[in-house]
N, C-alpha and C. Protein backbone atom coordinates (compact mmCIF):
# COMPACT_ATOMS: atom_id res chain seq x y z
N MET A 1 -10.80 -52.75 8.03
CA MET A 1 -10.75 -51.73 8.83
C MET A 1 -10.95 -50.34 7.87
N LYS A 2 -11.96 -49.72 7.76
CA LYS A 2 -11.96 -48.51 6.86
C LYS A 2 -11.90 -47.53 7.97
N THR A 3 -10.70 -46.49 7.26
CA THR A 3 -10.59 -45.46 8.13
C THR A 3 -11.47 -44.11 7.54
N SER A 4 -11.80 -43.37 8.71
CA SER A 4 -12.67 -42.27 8.34
C SER A 4 -11.96 -41.15 8.24
N PHE A 5 -12.29 -40.12 6.98
CA PHE A 5 -11.50 -39.04 6.91
C PHE A 5 -12.63 -37.94 7.01
N PRO A 6 -12.17 -36.84 7.54
CA PRO A 6 -13.10 -35.39 7.39
C PRO A 6 -13.54 -35.43 6.02
N GLU A 7 -14.63 -34.57 6.01
CA GLU A 7 -15.32 -34.45 4.37
C GLU A 7 -14.34 -33.76 3.67
N SER A 8 -13.74 -32.76 4.00
CA SER A 8 -12.88 -32.10 3.11
C SER A 8 -11.44 -32.97 2.67
N ASP A 9 -11.16 -33.76 3.27
CA ASP A 9 -9.98 -34.72 2.94
C ASP A 9 -10.46 -35.54 1.61
N LEU A 10 -11.77 -35.85 1.46
CA LEU A 10 -12.25 -36.77 0.60
C LEU A 10 -12.70 -35.80 -0.66
N ASP A 11 -12.50 -34.57 -0.64
CA ASP A 11 -12.91 -33.66 -1.88
C ASP A 11 -11.57 -33.38 -2.40
N PRO A 12 -11.30 -33.84 -3.68
CA PRO A 12 -9.86 -33.55 -4.36
C PRO A 12 -9.77 -31.78 -4.73
N ARG A 13 -11.16 -31.34 -4.56
CA ARG A 13 -10.80 -29.81 -4.84
C ARG A 13 -10.04 -29.33 -3.63
N HIS A 14 -10.37 -29.57 -2.56
CA HIS A 14 -9.70 -29.36 -1.28
C HIS A 14 -8.34 -29.33 -1.16
N HIS A 15 -7.87 -30.40 -2.03
CA HIS A 15 -6.55 -30.89 -1.85
C HIS A 15 -5.77 -29.93 -3.06
N ALA A 16 -6.58 -29.66 -4.19
CA ALA A 16 -6.01 -28.84 -5.51
C ALA A 16 -5.74 -27.49 -4.94
N ALA A 17 -6.61 -27.17 -4.03
CA ALA A 17 -6.33 -25.68 -3.76
C ALA A 17 -5.45 -25.77 -2.65
N ASN A 18 -5.12 -26.69 -1.83
CA ASN A 18 -3.90 -26.64 -0.93
C ASN A 18 -2.65 -26.48 -2.07
N VAL A 19 -2.57 -27.54 -3.05
CA VAL A 19 -1.29 -27.66 -3.54
C VAL A 19 -1.19 -26.26 -4.66
N GLN A 20 -2.39 -25.57 -4.89
CA GLN A 20 -2.07 -24.09 -5.57
C GLN A 20 -1.45 -23.33 -4.61
N GLN A 21 -1.78 -23.33 -3.43
CA GLN A 21 -1.33 -22.52 -2.44
C GLN A 21 0.28 -22.84 -2.41
N MET A 22 0.65 -24.06 -1.87
CA MET A 22 1.89 -24.48 -1.98
C MET A 22 2.76 -24.01 -3.16
N LEU A 23 2.37 -24.20 -4.28
CA LEU A 23 2.94 -23.77 -5.53
C LEU A 23 3.31 -22.34 -5.62
N GLY A 24 2.33 -21.50 -5.12
CA GLY A 24 2.34 -19.98 -5.12
C GLY A 24 3.42 -19.80 -4.30
N ASP A 25 3.47 -20.45 -3.22
CA ASP A 25 4.59 -20.15 -2.30
C ASP A 25 5.97 -20.26 -2.93
N VAL A 26 6.19 -21.28 -3.53
CA VAL A 26 7.42 -21.59 -4.05
C VAL A 26 7.76 -20.67 -5.20
N ILE A 27 6.79 -20.25 -6.03
CA ILE A 27 6.96 -19.46 -7.09
C ILE A 27 7.24 -18.13 -6.38
N GLU A 28 6.83 -17.55 -5.59
CA GLU A 28 6.99 -16.36 -4.80
C GLU A 28 8.55 -16.38 -4.28
N HIS A 29 8.86 -17.52 -3.64
CA HIS A 29 10.10 -17.72 -3.17
C HIS A 29 11.06 -17.43 -4.36
N LEU A 30 11.01 -18.36 -5.47
CA LEU A 30 12.23 -18.21 -6.50
C LEU A 30 12.04 -16.94 -7.03
N ARG A 31 10.83 -16.23 -7.25
CA ARG A 31 11.31 -14.93 -7.77
C ARG A 31 11.81 -13.91 -6.88
N SER A 32 11.41 -14.00 -5.66
CA SER A 32 12.17 -13.12 -4.68
C SER A 32 13.74 -13.24 -4.47
N ASP A 33 14.00 -14.52 -4.87
CA ASP A 33 15.37 -14.91 -4.62
C ASP A 33 16.16 -14.61 -5.96
N LEU A 34 15.65 -13.98 -7.11
CA LEU A 34 16.36 -13.43 -8.35
C LEU A 34 17.07 -12.32 -8.11
N ASP A 35 16.73 -11.26 -7.24
CA ASP A 35 17.58 -10.27 -6.66
C ASP A 35 18.58 -10.59 -6.01
N LYS A 36 18.94 -11.77 -5.26
CA LYS A 36 19.82 -11.95 -4.56
C LYS A 36 21.48 -12.51 -5.14
N PHE A 37 21.16 -12.77 -6.58
CA PHE A 37 22.50 -13.00 -7.07
C PHE A 37 22.35 -12.58 -8.58
N GLU A 38 23.43 -12.57 -9.06
CA GLU A 38 23.45 -11.91 -10.53
C GLU A 38 24.10 -13.02 -11.64
N GLU A 39 24.27 -14.10 -11.18
CA GLU A 39 24.71 -15.06 -12.10
C GLU A 39 23.32 -15.66 -13.22
N PRO A 40 23.73 -15.36 -14.49
CA PRO A 40 22.54 -15.35 -15.56
C PRO A 40 21.95 -16.78 -15.34
N LYS A 41 22.84 -17.72 -15.45
CA LYS A 41 22.16 -19.18 -15.58
C LYS A 41 21.53 -19.37 -14.34
N ALA A 42 21.74 -19.21 -13.22
CA ALA A 42 20.88 -19.27 -11.97
C ALA A 42 19.66 -18.28 -12.19
N GLN A 43 19.86 -17.18 -12.61
CA GLN A 43 18.64 -16.49 -12.66
C GLN A 43 17.52 -16.93 -13.76
N ALA A 44 17.97 -17.54 -14.90
CA ALA A 44 17.31 -18.16 -15.77
C ALA A 44 16.68 -19.46 -15.40
N LEU A 45 17.35 -20.18 -14.45
CA LEU A 45 16.94 -21.36 -13.63
C LEU A 45 15.68 -21.23 -12.93
N PHE A 46 16.06 -20.15 -12.15
CA PHE A 46 14.90 -19.65 -11.10
C PHE A 46 13.61 -19.22 -11.65
N GLU A 47 13.79 -18.28 -12.87
CA GLU A 47 12.77 -17.77 -13.60
C GLU A 47 12.02 -18.96 -14.43
N THR A 48 12.68 -19.68 -14.99
CA THR A 48 12.21 -20.94 -15.74
C THR A 48 11.28 -21.78 -14.69
N ALA A 49 11.59 -22.10 -13.70
CA ALA A 49 11.05 -22.94 -12.51
C ALA A 49 9.89 -22.14 -12.22
N ALA A 50 10.03 -21.04 -11.89
CA ALA A 50 8.89 -20.08 -11.38
C ALA A 50 7.69 -20.36 -12.41
N GLU A 51 8.00 -20.17 -14.00
CA GLU A 51 7.23 -19.99 -15.00
C GLU A 51 6.54 -21.46 -15.19
N VAL A 52 7.34 -22.71 -15.09
CA VAL A 52 6.67 -24.04 -15.21
C VAL A 52 5.93 -24.38 -14.00
N LEU A 53 6.31 -23.92 -12.80
CA LEU A 53 5.28 -24.18 -11.78
C LEU A 53 3.97 -23.21 -11.76
N GLY A 54 4.24 -22.10 -12.38
CA GLY A 54 2.88 -21.37 -12.43
C GLY A 54 1.99 -22.04 -13.54
N GLY A 55 2.48 -22.73 -14.47
CA GLY A 55 1.64 -23.61 -15.51
C GLY A 55 0.99 -24.51 -14.75
N LEU A 56 1.84 -25.22 -13.87
CA LEU A 56 1.18 -26.21 -13.08
C LEU A 56 0.17 -25.92 -12.01
N ARG A 57 0.43 -24.76 -11.53
CA ARG A 57 -0.68 -23.97 -10.58
C ARG A 57 -2.08 -23.82 -11.39
N THR A 58 -1.80 -23.26 -12.64
CA THR A 58 -2.98 -23.00 -13.42
C THR A 58 -3.70 -24.32 -13.64
N ALA A 59 -3.02 -25.38 -14.05
CA ALA A 59 -3.68 -26.72 -14.28
C ALA A 59 -4.35 -27.11 -13.14
N PHE A 60 -3.99 -26.94 -11.88
CA PHE A 60 -4.70 -27.26 -10.60
C PHE A 60 -5.77 -26.35 -10.33
N GLU A 61 -5.70 -25.13 -10.89
CA GLU A 61 -6.62 -24.02 -10.85
C GLU A 61 -7.83 -24.57 -11.70
N HIS A 62 -7.62 -25.19 -13.04
CA HIS A 62 -8.55 -25.37 -13.80
C HIS A 62 -9.30 -26.42 -13.48
N TYR A 63 -8.68 -27.55 -13.03
CA TYR A 63 -9.16 -28.70 -12.50
C TYR A 63 -10.13 -28.56 -11.13
N GLU A 64 -9.89 -27.61 -10.54
CA GLU A 64 -10.73 -27.03 -9.30
C GLU A 64 -11.93 -26.60 -9.77
N LYS A 65 -11.86 -25.45 -10.57
CA LYS A 65 -12.94 -25.00 -11.21
C LYS A 65 -13.92 -25.80 -11.96
N SER A 66 -13.36 -26.75 -12.84
CA SER A 66 -14.35 -27.42 -13.61
C SER A 66 -14.80 -28.79 -12.76
N ALA A 67 -14.31 -28.97 -11.61
CA ALA A 67 -14.71 -30.02 -10.81
C ALA A 67 -15.75 -29.48 -9.89
N GLU A 68 -15.74 -28.14 -9.56
CA GLU A 68 -16.62 -27.28 -8.86
C GLU A 68 -17.91 -27.28 -9.86
N ALA A 69 -17.75 -27.03 -10.97
CA ALA A 69 -18.81 -26.72 -12.09
C ALA A 69 -19.64 -27.81 -12.19
N ALA A 70 -19.05 -29.03 -12.11
CA ALA A 70 -19.48 -30.30 -12.41
C ALA A 70 -20.63 -30.72 -11.34
N LEU A 71 -20.28 -30.14 -10.10
CA LEU A 71 -21.00 -30.43 -8.97
C LEU A 71 -22.62 -29.81 -8.92
N HIS A 72 -22.26 -28.67 -9.84
CA HIS A 72 -23.59 -27.80 -9.92
C HIS A 72 -24.52 -28.22 -11.03
């Protein structure tokens, strides 16, 4: 039995865009929390996590753009 999915569910670019949005939300949350505490190790952890997730978000963005270009 084959399950049918909406067209957007079959397009990995759609999923990549969703993941980019979620990562952006987490990055924003991490950076906004930096002002809530003064512990240097915690601040470093949150900033490092935001930077790492930013790199991952960029990788998804590059995938999405290259996949889109390949379709044209």
